[in-house]
Structures are given as structure tokens and as C-alpha cells.
């Protein structure tokens, strides 16, 4: 559980109104064809389908294409889309209420610009490590376009009064209500009345927020804030002192944590069996995929040993090793990968097991299926100031990009 008590001298959490930059259905057509999942979960087939559905899909702005670095083509495309009214900035600043429904799950949160806070202020809490490459990539994109194209996803535990205010806002007619290509439904409201905005701000001041998705984007926010800092300006007066965020109340609309599996090149099942024998780890061959995952599930709560399913796509096995952390990804990255002499560049990250297994069909290697931590474990680790290895968690369901954006020049 996160702490809602503001530490003495700590700056409050802030979520401020902004002029949203949104696709205009009068010019781009169906809004369901221009949004996209977050950039870091997209595969080639999904990108191809999105671009085929609408040539103004947000993937043409958020994805890194090597020939477009440092995103000059993206900047020019963004300006062209604004000039031709494919994108329009709302006339008045607002907080936005964004609701999305995926299957039977509905998530509702507030979109605004959050005041950036250093980790030691204990206001916005990371829970994963970041890598320099993705931080560089997102920073270049934001620096070049001067736009926050993708909100980070923050979780918190709101007050009863906050939940009432949010529900009241959702009783009004939405700005947008549409269904995406994947069948998910999306609705957006604007909250611009000063009294409502002030009431929401008052309920949020003591919030501690967990970065659920967007660690690299948040690190890029902080980097750009330092780059653009004016020592003569008052605090939090520059648009670079804030970043676009979606804040979801975990008590009201709980998200779940899914796994992110690893593919490891240059290892075989035989190699892992030999390495496990040398270390004294348990390594058992299993008859098939179902049996392997059943064996892992039966041992998830074992406080002494972590359990991993490993496979090369043909052979399945269960590997168990002494637990050094309650987070299985930490055991893998802190203990097993170093013992196997695996470097970071030899590790791939995959949001689905089938996607991971496809890598073993193309080149030698194994897949390590990692059981995810619970939301409570993630929140507790963040509250203690601990970092998990990158890509330890995949919060779901994920919001879609392109529903509302922020041009810093409109701030």
C-alpha cells in the first residue's frame, strides 16, 4: 500500500489541466482507427495492421524508425497533421477523464500534466530499472517534437471524495466515445470548471503515485527538465517541469500484473541442465507445456525457491533455484543470468509466450517464462525504494495512445 501522508516539506503531487491535442474525426475519420497500444508492446504485424487501417494512426508518430532519427520526419509529420487539422488543440485547458474497456474490465483515470518529482521526494515512485537506450530514444522524440505523445501510467489509492468527483464527471456527455480495431471501447470527458479542478487537486495533493508503465518516458521527462531549466524562473513554471500522465485509482479500477518473458540466445536446454547441475539447482524435464506450467503454478508461493519454466519450443523443463527475492525476475537477473554468463544484449523481452517462442524457431536459444509479482508486491517494493529489473511487470489492461496528447508549445 502506498502512503498518502505527505512528508514534511515534500512538494505535493500535482495533476494540472492542459490543452489536449486530439485527432479530429471530421478529418481523420473513425477515431478507433488512429489509436494504438503503447510503443513498447507493438509487434510488426500489429503495426502493419494499424498503418493499413488509417494513414494517420499514432504509430506513425511514436515508433522509432532508424532512418527517421532524430525524429525530424516525425516532427514534420506532426506539424503537417496540425496544419491540415487532422490534429486540433482544445480551446480551453482541462483535466481529462479517460475510460477504456477491454473485455470485461473497465479502467477509468484522470489525464493531466503532473509536476515532475525526483525519486528521493517519494511522490512519484518508480519500481523498475531503466536502460539508457530507450530513455535516449524517448528524450529525442520529445525534444524534437516538443510534444508528449504518450502519457505515462500512474497508479495510486484515491480517497472516497475523489472517486465521487470522478464518477460525477462521467455522468456527462463525453467528448469522444468510440471502439478501437481490437474491440476495446474508449470514452473521454473534459473537466474544465475551476471549482471541479480545484476539488480534484485538493484530493490529489497527498497522493503517492506508482509508475506502472512509462519508466523510460518519465526518465526522459526528468532529463529534458534539467536541459531546459532556467535558474531565474520560478519553480514549476516551465512546460518542461511537467509531463503528461494518466492517473488510475487502483482501489476503484484495479489493474493486474502480467508476465514479461525472456528469450536467451546462445543457450540450449542441455546447457541449462548442465549449468543447473553445477549450481545445485533443480532441473526437471516435463512431458509438455501444460505440465511445465502446472508445476510452476503449484510452486509460485514457495518462499524458499523460485520456479521458472524453460523451453526451446520443443522440450519443456522446470528450473528451481534458491530464492533471493520475492520477485522472480530479480532472481533471474541477479543470480541466474550472471551464473549462466549471459550479457544483457543476449536477452529479449516478450509480452506473450508464443512471441518469445518464435525467437527459438529463428535462431538457437531458450525461453524463460517468468511469473509476475503481484500488484501488492510491486507497491510494497516501490514504497521501500527498491527497484526491480527492467521489464519485470506488465500492467494490464493498458491504455491506448493517441486518445489525447500534449503539445508543450500550447502550454
Protein backbone atom coordinates (compact mmCIF):
# COMPACT_ATOMS: atom_id res chain seq x y z
CA UNK A 1 0.00 0.00 0.00
CA UNK A 2 1.24 3.46 -0.86
CA UNK A 3 1.48 6.17 1.80
CA UNK A 4 -0.97 9.06 1.41
CA UNK A 5 0.57 11.07 4.26
CA UNK A 6 2.60 13.97 2.91
CA UNK A 7 6.08 14.10 4.40
CA UNK A 8 7.03 17.40 5.98
CA UNK A 9 8.48 19.72 3.37
CA UNK A 10 7.57 17.39 0.50
CA UNK A 11 6.09 19.04 -2.55
CA UNK A 12 2.56 17.78 -3.19
CA UNK A 13 1.53 15.61 -6.08
CA UNK A 14 0.01 17.77 -8.80
CA UNK A 15 -2.08 16.99 -11.86
CA UNK A 16 -2.89 20.15 -13.77
CA UNK A 17 -5.18 20.99 -16.69
CA UNK A 18 -3.73 21.36 -20.18
CA UNK A 19 -4.95 21.98 -23.71
CA UNK A 20 -5.38 18.50 -25.09
CA UNK A 21 -4.18 17.74 -28.61
CA UNK A 22 -6.65 15.32 -30.17
CA UNK A 23 -7.46 13.72 -33.51
CA UNK A 24 -10.42 15.34 -35.26
CA UNK A 25 -12.87 12.69 -36.53
CA UNK A 26 -14.11 15.15 -39.16
CA UNK A 27 -10.75 14.87 -40.93
CA UNK A 28 -9.21 11.52 -39.88
CA UNK A 29 -12.43 9.50 -39.80
CA UNK A 30 -13.12 6.81 -37.21
CA UNK A 31 -11.14 7.56 -34.03
CA UNK A 32 -10.90 3.84 -33.38
CA UNK A 33 -8.50 3.55 -36.33
CA UNK A 34 -5.96 6.16 -35.17
CA UNK A 35 -5.10 4.93 -31.66
CA UNK A 36 -2.55 2.28 -30.72
CA UNK A 37 -1.22 0.24 -27.81
CA UNK A 38 1.93 1.67 -26.17
CA UNK A 39 5.01 1.77 -28.38
CA UNK A 40 6.96 -0.86 -26.44
CA UNK A 41 4.38 -3.66 -26.78
CA UNK A 42 3.85 -3.40 -30.54
CA UNK A 43 4.91 -6.18 -32.87
CA UNK A 44 5.42 -5.91 -36.61
CA UNK A 45 2.06 -7.47 -37.51
CA UNK A 46 0.13 -5.08 -35.25
CA UNK A 47 1.97 -2.06 -36.65
CA UNK A 48 1.22 -3.17 -40.20
CA UNK A 49 -2.48 -3.57 -39.39
CA UNK A 50 -2.70 -0.17 -37.67
CA UNK A 51 -0.99 1.65 -40.52
CA UNK A 52 -3.22 -0.09 -43.04
CA UNK A 53 -6.34 0.92 -41.12
CA UNK A 54 -5.54 4.64 -41.16
CA UNK A 55 -2.53 6.51 -42.52
CA UNK A 56 -2.86 8.93 -39.60
CA UNK A 57 -2.52 6.25 -36.94
CA UNK A 58 -0.47 7.38 -33.93
CA UNK A 59 2.14 4.67 -34.59
CA UNK A 60 3.49 6.95 -37.33
CA UNK A 61 4.47 9.38 -34.56
CA UNK A 62 5.51 7.22 -31.61
CA UNK A 63 7.57 4.45 -33.22
CA UNK A 64 11.29 4.67 -33.78
CA UNK A 65 12.32 4.20 -37.39
CA UNK A 66 16.04 4.19 -37.84
CA UNK A 67 16.00 6.36 -40.95
CA UNK A 68 13.91 8.99 -39.13
CA UNK A 69 16.24 9.52 -36.18
CA UNK A 70 16.48 12.08 -34.68
CA UNK A 71 12.76 12.20 -35.40
CA UNK A 72 12.87 15.14 -37.77
CA UNK A 73 10.44 13.40 -40.11
CA UNK A 74 8.09 12.74 -37.19
CA UNK A 75 8.24 16.41 -36.20
CA UNK A 76 7.43 17.48 -39.75
CA UNK A 77 4.59 14.96 -39.98
CA UNK A 78 3.17 16.16 -36.67
CA UNK A 79 3.24 19.79 -37.82
CA UNK A 80 1.63 18.85 -41.14
CA UNK A 81 -1.16 16.97 -39.35
CA UNK A 82 -1.84 20.03 -37.21
CA UNK A 83 -1.73 22.39 -40.17
CA UNK A 84 -4.25 20.22 -42.02
CA UNK A 85 -6.49 19.88 -38.93
CA UNK A 86 -6.02 16.14 -38.54
CA UNK A 87 -4.95 17.11 -35.02
CA UNK A 88 -6.51 20.01 -33.12
CA UNK A 89 -5.72 21.55 -29.74
CA UNK A 90 -8.73 22.09 -27.48
CA UNK A 91 -9.51 25.75 -26.88
CA UNK A 92 -9.51 25.57 -23.07
CA UNK A 93 -7.25 23.77 -20.60
CA UNK A 94 -8.86 20.79 -18.88
CA UNK A 95 -8.23 17.67 -16.93
CA UNK A 96 -9.46 14.74 -18.98
CA UNK A 97 -11.32 11.73 -17.69
CA UNK A 98 -10.36 8.73 -19.83
CA UNK A 99 -12.22 5.43 -19.61
CA UNK A 100 -11.34 2.31 -21.55
CA UNK A 101 -12.96 -1.11 -21.54
CA UNK A 102 -11.06 -4.21 -22.63
CA UNK A 103 -13.12 -7.39 -22.45
CA UNK A 104 -14.94 -7.34 -19.12
CA UNK A 105 -12.57 -4.85 -17.47
CA UNK A 106 -13.18 -1.10 -17.36
CA UNK A 107 -10.46 1.31 -16.26
CA UNK A 108 -11.03 5.00 -15.58
CA UNK A 109 -8.41 7.62 -14.82
CA UNK A 110 -7.52 11.30 -14.97
CA UNK A 111 -5.21 12.66 -17.67
CA UNK A 112 -3.28 15.82 -16.86
CA UNK A 113 0.23 17.21 -16.61
CA UNK A 114 1.95 16.08 -13.45
CA UNK A 115 4.64 18.06 -11.70
CA UNK A 116 7.94 16.18 -12.04
CA UNK A 117 9.45 14.93 -8.80
CA UNK A 118 12.85 13.43 -8.04
CA UNK A 119 12.78 9.89 -6.69
CA UNK A 120 14.00 10.96 -3.24
CA UNK A 121 10.92 13.18 -2.82
CA UNK A 122 8.84 9.96 -2.59
CA UNK A 123 5.93 11.42 -4.54
CA UNK A 124 6.20 9.61 -7.89
CA UNK A 125 7.68 6.18 -7.27
CA UNK A 126 9.46 4.04 -9.87
CA UNK A 127 9.66 0.30 -9.39
CA UNK A 128 11.86 -0.80 -12.32
CA UNK A 129 15.32 -0.04 -13.60
CA UNK A 130 15.70 1.73 -16.94
CA UNK A 131 18.13 1.32 -19.82
CA UNK A 132 19.95 4.27 -21.43
CA UNK A 133 18.90 3.41 -24.99
CA UNK A 134 15.12 3.68 -24.55
CA UNK A 135 15.50 6.80 -22.38
CA UNK A 136 17.62 8.40 -25.11
CA UNK A 137 15.04 7.42 -27.74
CA UNK A 138 12.05 8.91 -25.91
CA UNK A 139 14.01 12.04 -24.97
CA UNK A 140 14.98 12.63 -28.61
CA UNK A 141 11.35 12.17 -29.69
CA UNK A 142 10.04 14.66 -27.11
CA UNK A 143 12.86 17.15 -27.62
CA UNK A 144 12.40 17.16 -31.39
CA UNK A 145 8.60 17.28 -31.48
CA UNK A 146 8.11 19.35 -28.29
CA UNK A 147 5.15 17.08 -27.65
CA UNK A 148 4.15 14.46 -25.09
CA UNK A 149 2.59 11.93 -27.43
CA UNK A 150 2.14 9.20 -24.81
CA UNK A 151 1.04 9.64 -21.19
CA UNK A 152 2.82 7.62 -18.57
CA UNK A 153 0.55 5.39 -16.48
CA UNK A 154 0.45 6.14 -12.74
CA UNK A 155 -1.39 4.16 -10.06
CA UNK A 156 -2.49 5.49 -6.70
CA UNK A 157 -5.04 4.80 -3.98
CA UNK A 158 -7.58 7.60 -4.04
CA UNK A 159 -9.95 8.98 -1.44
CA UNK A 160 -13.69 8.36 -1.32
CA UNK A 161 -14.26 12.01 -2.22
CA UNK A 162 -12.02 11.71 -5.29
CA UNK A 163 -13.95 8.70 -6.52
CA UNK A 164 -17.20 10.64 -6.12
CA UNK A 165 -15.83 13.57 -8.13
CA UNK A 166 -14.66 11.26 -10.92
CA UNK A 167 -18.00 9.46 -11.10
CA UNK A 168 -19.86 12.76 -11.27
CA UNK A 169 -17.74 13.84 -14.23
CA UNK A 170 -18.54 10.58 -16.04
CA UNK A 171 -22.29 11.25 -15.92
CA UNK A 172 -21.99 14.00 -18.52
CA UNK A 173 -21.81 13.59 -22.29
CA UNK A 174 -18.29 12.55 -23.37
CA UNK A 175 -16.13 14.41 -25.86
CA UNK A 176 -15.42 11.13 -27.61
CA UNK A 177 -16.87 7.62 -27.50
CA UNK A 178 -15.51 5.05 -29.94
CA UNK A 179 -14.43 1.44 -30.41
CA UNK A 180 -10.89 0.54 -31.46
CA UNK A 181 -9.86 -2.05 -34.03
CA UNK A 182 -9.31 -4.62 -31.27
CA UNK A 183 -12.84 -4.17 -29.92
CA UNK A 184 -11.88 -2.09 -26.88
CA UNK A 185 -14.13 0.87 -26.09
CA UNK A 186 -12.78 4.34 -25.25
CA UNK A 187 -14.51 7.40 -23.79
CA UNK A 188 -13.11 10.83 -22.94
CA UNK A 189 -14.52 13.73 -20.93
CA UNK A 190 -13.11 17.21 -20.24
CA UNK A 191 -13.18 18.65 -16.71
CA UNK A 192 -12.53 22.37 -17.03
CA UNK A 193 -14.71 24.09 -14.43
CA UNK A 194 -12.35 25.78 -11.92
CA UNK A 195 -14.29 24.55 -8.88
CA UNK A 196 -14.11 20.92 -10.04
CA UNK A 197 -10.45 21.19 -10.98
CA UNK A 198 -9.62 22.70 -7.58
CA UNK A 199 -11.59 19.99 -5.79
CA UNK A 200 -9.71 17.26 -7.66
CA UNK A 201 -6.37 18.96 -6.93
CA UNK A 202 -7.17 19.06 -3.23
CA UNK A 203 -7.90 15.34 -3.14
CA UNK A 204 -4.68 14.53 -5.01
CA UNK A 205 -2.21 16.67 -3.04
CA UNK A 206 -1.17 13.92 -0.61
CA UNK A 207 -1.03 11.18 -3.23
CA UNK A 208 1.93 8.89 -3.73
CA UNK A 209 1.80 7.56 -7.27
CA UNK A 210 3.43 4.42 -8.64
CA UNK A 211 4.83 4.44 -12.16
CA UNK A 212 3.04 1.42 -13.60
CA UNK A 213 4.05 1.97 -17.21
CA UNK A 214 6.42 4.54 -18.67
CA UNK A 215 9.65 4.41 -16.63
CA UNK A 216 11.73 5.34 -19.66
CA UNK A 217 9.37 8.17 -20.59
CA UNK A 218 9.47 9.53 -17.04
CA UNK A 219 13.27 9.39 -17.02
CA UNK A 220 13.16 11.31 -20.31
CA UNK A 221 10.84 13.89 -18.72
CA UNK A 222 13.39 14.45 -15.93
CA UNK A 223 16.29 14.70 -18.37
CA UNK A 224 14.52 17.28 -20.52
CA UNK A 225 13.52 19.25 -17.43
CA UNK A 226 17.20 19.55 -16.50
CA UNK A 227 18.16 20.50 -20.05
CA UNK A 228 15.56 23.28 -20.22
CA UNK A 229 15.88 24.54 -16.64
CA UNK A 230 16.03 28.32 -16.27
CA UNK A 231 17.69 29.19 -12.93
CA UNK A 232 15.97 32.58 -12.92
CA UNK A 233 12.44 31.20 -13.37
CA UNK A 234 10.03 30.35 -10.56
CA UNK A 235 9.64 26.61 -9.81
CA UNK A 236 7.22 24.64 -11.96
CA UNK A 237 6.54 27.47 -14.40
CA UNK A 238 8.16 25.88 -17.45
CA UNK A 239 6.17 23.40 -19.55
CA UNK A 240 9.20 21.10 -19.20
CA UNK A 241 8.58 20.95 -15.42
CA UNK A 242 5.54 18.76 -16.13
CA UNK A 243 4.81 15.59 -18.06
CA UNK A 244 1.67 14.01 -19.46
CA UNK A 245 0.23 11.30 -17.20
CA UNK A 246 -2.81 9.07 -16.79
CA UNK A 247 -3.58 8.57 -13.08
CA UNK A 248 -5.67 5.50 -12.21
CA UNK A 249 -7.15 4.75 -8.78
CA UNK A 250 -6.09 1.17 -8.05
CA UNK A 251 -8.81 0.78 -5.43
CA UNK A 252 -11.58 1.80 -7.81
CA UNK A 253 -10.28 0.33 -11.06
CA UNK A 254 -7.68 -2.30 -10.17
CA UNK A 255 -5.15 -3.27 -12.80
CA UNK A 256 -3.38 -6.62 -12.81
CA UNK A 257 0.25 -7.51 -13.48
CA UNK A 258 1.06 -9.87 -16.31
CA UNK A 259 4.35 -11.57 -17.15
CA UNK A 260 7.13 -10.44 -19.44
CA UNK A 261 9.07 -13.49 -20.59
CA UNK A 262 12.74 -13.66 -21.58
CA UNK A 263 14.43 -15.22 -24.57
CA UNK A 264 18.11 -16.03 -24.10
CA UNK A 265 20.36 -16.60 -27.08
CA UNK A 266 23.32 -18.96 -27.23
CA UNK A 267 21.93 -21.44 -24.68
CA UNK A 268 20.34 -24.84 -25.15
CA UNK A 269 18.23 -26.98 -22.85
CA UNK A 270 21.25 -29.26 -22.43
CA UNK A 271 23.37 -26.25 -21.42
CA UNK A 272 20.82 -25.24 -18.79
CA UNK A 273 20.63 -28.75 -17.41
CA UNK A 274 24.42 -28.86 -17.04
CA UNK A 275 24.59 -25.37 -15.51
CA UNK A 276 21.81 -26.24 -13.08
CA UNK A 277 23.59 -29.43 -12.02
CA UNK A 278 26.78 -27.45 -11.43
CA UNK A 279 24.94 -24.91 -9.24
CA UNK A 280 22.83 -27.43 -7.39
CA UNK A 281 19.59 -26.10 -8.88
CA UNK A 282 16.68 -28.42 -9.55
CA UNK A 283 16.11 -29.08 -13.26
CA UNK A 284 13.30 -31.43 -14.28
CA UNK A 285 12.26 -32.26 -17.82
CA UNK A 286 8.48 -32.09 -18.26
CA UNK A 287 6.29 -34.02 -20.71
CA UNK A 288 4.76 -30.90 -22.29
CA UNK A 289 3.96 -27.21 -21.95
CA UNK A 290 0.84 -27.72 -19.83
CA UNK A 291 2.65 -29.93 -17.34
CA UNK A 292 5.51 -27.45 -17.03
CA UNK A 293 3.22 -24.51 -16.23
CA UNK A 294 1.12 -26.60 -13.85
CA UNK A 295 4.29 -27.48 -11.95
CA UNK A 296 5.34 -23.82 -11.86
CA UNK A 297 1.90 -22.68 -10.66
CA UNK A 298 1.98 -25.20 -7.83
CA UNK A 299 5.21 -23.66 -6.55
CA UNK A 300 4.54 -19.92 -7.03
CA UNK A 301 4.20 -19.26 -3.30
CA UNK A 302 7.28 -21.25 -2.26
CA UNK A 303 9.26 -18.85 -0.01
CA UNK A 304 12.49 -20.82 -0.42
CA UNK A 305 12.82 -21.47 -4.15
CA UNK A 306 11.80 -19.62 -7.32
CA UNK A 307 10.41 -21.66 -10.21
CA UNK A 308 10.90 -20.96 -13.93
CA UNK A 309 9.58 -22.76 -16.99
CA UNK A 310 12.25 -23.05 -19.69
CA UNK A 311 11.84 -24.26 -23.26
CA UNK A 312 13.41 -24.24 -26.69
CA UNK A 313 9.99 -24.69 -28.28
CA UNK A 314 10.29 -28.47 -28.35
CA UNK A 315 11.49 -29.52 -24.90
CA UNK A 316 9.97 -28.20 -21.67
CA UNK A 317 11.52 -28.14 -18.21
CA UNK A 318 11.04 -26.69 -14.73
CA UNK A 319 14.03 -24.96 -13.14
CA UNK A 320 14.03 -24.16 -9.40
CA UNK A 321 16.69 -22.16 -7.59
CA UNK A 322 17.16 -20.62 -4.15
CA UNK A 323 15.04 -17.51 -3.74
CA UNK A 324 17.00 -14.30 -3.12
CA UNK A 325 13.99 -12.04 -3.74
CA UNK A 326 10.21 -12.38 -3.70
CA UNK A 327 10.30 -11.13 -7.30
CA UNK A 328 11.19 -13.93 -9.73
CA UNK A 329 12.59 -11.53 -12.34
CA UNK A 330 15.09 -10.29 -9.75
CA UNK A 331 16.23 -13.86 -9.06
CA UNK A 332 16.69 -14.42 -12.78
CA UNK A 333 18.64 -11.20 -13.43
CA UNK A 334 20.62 -11.00 -10.19
CA UNK A 335 21.52 -14.68 -9.84
CA UNK A 336 20.85 -16.95 -12.80
CA UNK A 337 21.82 -14.83 -15.81
CA UNK A 338 25.21 -13.88 -14.29
CA UNK A 339 25.80 -17.53 -13.38
CA UNK A 340 24.99 -18.52 -16.95
CA UNK A 341 27.36 -15.77 -18.22
CA UNK A 342 24.57 -14.12 -20.18
CA UNK A 343 25.01 -10.44 -21.08
CA UNK A 344 22.09 -8.01 -21.26
CA UNK A 345 22.29 -7.77 -25.05
CA UNK A 346 21.63 -11.52 -25.27
CA UNK A 347 18.26 -11.18 -23.51
CA UNK A 348 15.00 -10.45 -25.33
CA UNK A 349 11.74 -9.35 -23.68
CA UNK A 350 8.32 -10.58 -24.77
CA UNK A 351 4.78 -9.87 -23.55
CA UNK A 352 3.48 -13.22 -24.78
CA UNK A 353 4.97 -16.69 -24.50
CA UNK A 354 4.18 -17.52 -28.11
CA UNK A 355 6.01 -14.39 -29.24
CA UNK A 356 9.02 -15.45 -27.18
CA UNK A 357 8.95 -18.98 -28.60
CA UNK A 358 9.05 -17.60 -32.14
CA UNK A 359 12.60 -16.44 -31.46
CA UNK A 360 13.73 -20.02 -30.84
CA UNK A 361 12.30 -21.02 -34.22
CA UNK A 362 14.55 -18.46 -35.94
CA UNK A 363 17.78 -18.96 -34.01
CA UNK A 364 19.19 -21.16 -31.23
CA UNK A 365 18.20 -20.19 -27.73
CA UNK A 366 15.78 -20.80 -24.90
CA UNK A 367 12.79 -19.04 -23.40
CA UNK A 368 12.50 -18.44 -19.67
CA UNK A 369 8.89 -17.96 -18.55
CA UNK A 370 8.80 -15.61 -15.56
CA UNK A 371 5.94 -15.50 -13.07
CA UNK A 372 4.98 -11.85 -12.40
CA UNK A 373 4.87 -10.21 -8.97
CA UNK A 374 1.52 -9.16 -7.54
CA UNK A 375 0.38 -5.54 -7.55
CA UNK A 376 0.79 -5.53 -3.75
CA UNK A 377 4.41 -6.72 -4.09
CA UNK A 378 5.14 -4.02 -6.67
CA UNK A 379 3.64 -1.29 -4.50
CA UNK A 380 5.46 -2.52 -1.40
CA UNK A 381 8.80 -2.63 -3.20
CA UNK A 382 8.28 0.88 -4.58
CA UNK A 383 7.32 2.20 -1.15
CA UNK A 384 10.59 0.77 0.22
CA UNK A 385 12.54 2.49 -2.55
CA UNK A 386 13.53 -0.79 -4.23
CA UNK A 387 13.95 -1.25 -7.98
CA UNK A 388 13.13 -4.42 -9.87
CA UNK A 389 14.94 -5.37 -13.08
CA UNK A 390 13.54 -3.63 -16.12
CA UNK A 391 10.56 -5.29 -17.72
CA UNK A 392 9.59 -7.10 -14.53
CA UNK A 393 5.93 -6.09 -14.82
CA UNK A 394 3.30 -5.58 -17.47
CA UNK A 395 0.26 -3.84 -16.01
CA UNK A 396 -3.00 -4.60 -17.79
CA UNK A 397 -5.22 -3.66 -19.38
CA UNK A 398 -3.11 -0.96 -20.98
CA UNK A 399 -4.44 2.42 -22.13
CA UNK A 400 -4.25 3.33 -25.80
CA UNK A 401 -2.02 6.04 -27.20
CA UNK A 402 -3.47 8.80 -29.37
CA UNK A 403 -6.61 9.47 -27.33
CA UNK A 404 -5.23 12.77 -26.02
CA UNK A 405 -1.74 14.30 -26.36
CA UNK A 406 0.05 17.45 -25.19
CA UNK A 407 1.91 19.97 -27.33
CA UNK A 408 4.26 21.84 -25.00
CA UNK A 409 4.01 24.90 -27.23
CA UNK A 410 0.33 25.16 -26.24
CA UNK A 411 1.21 25.31 -22.54
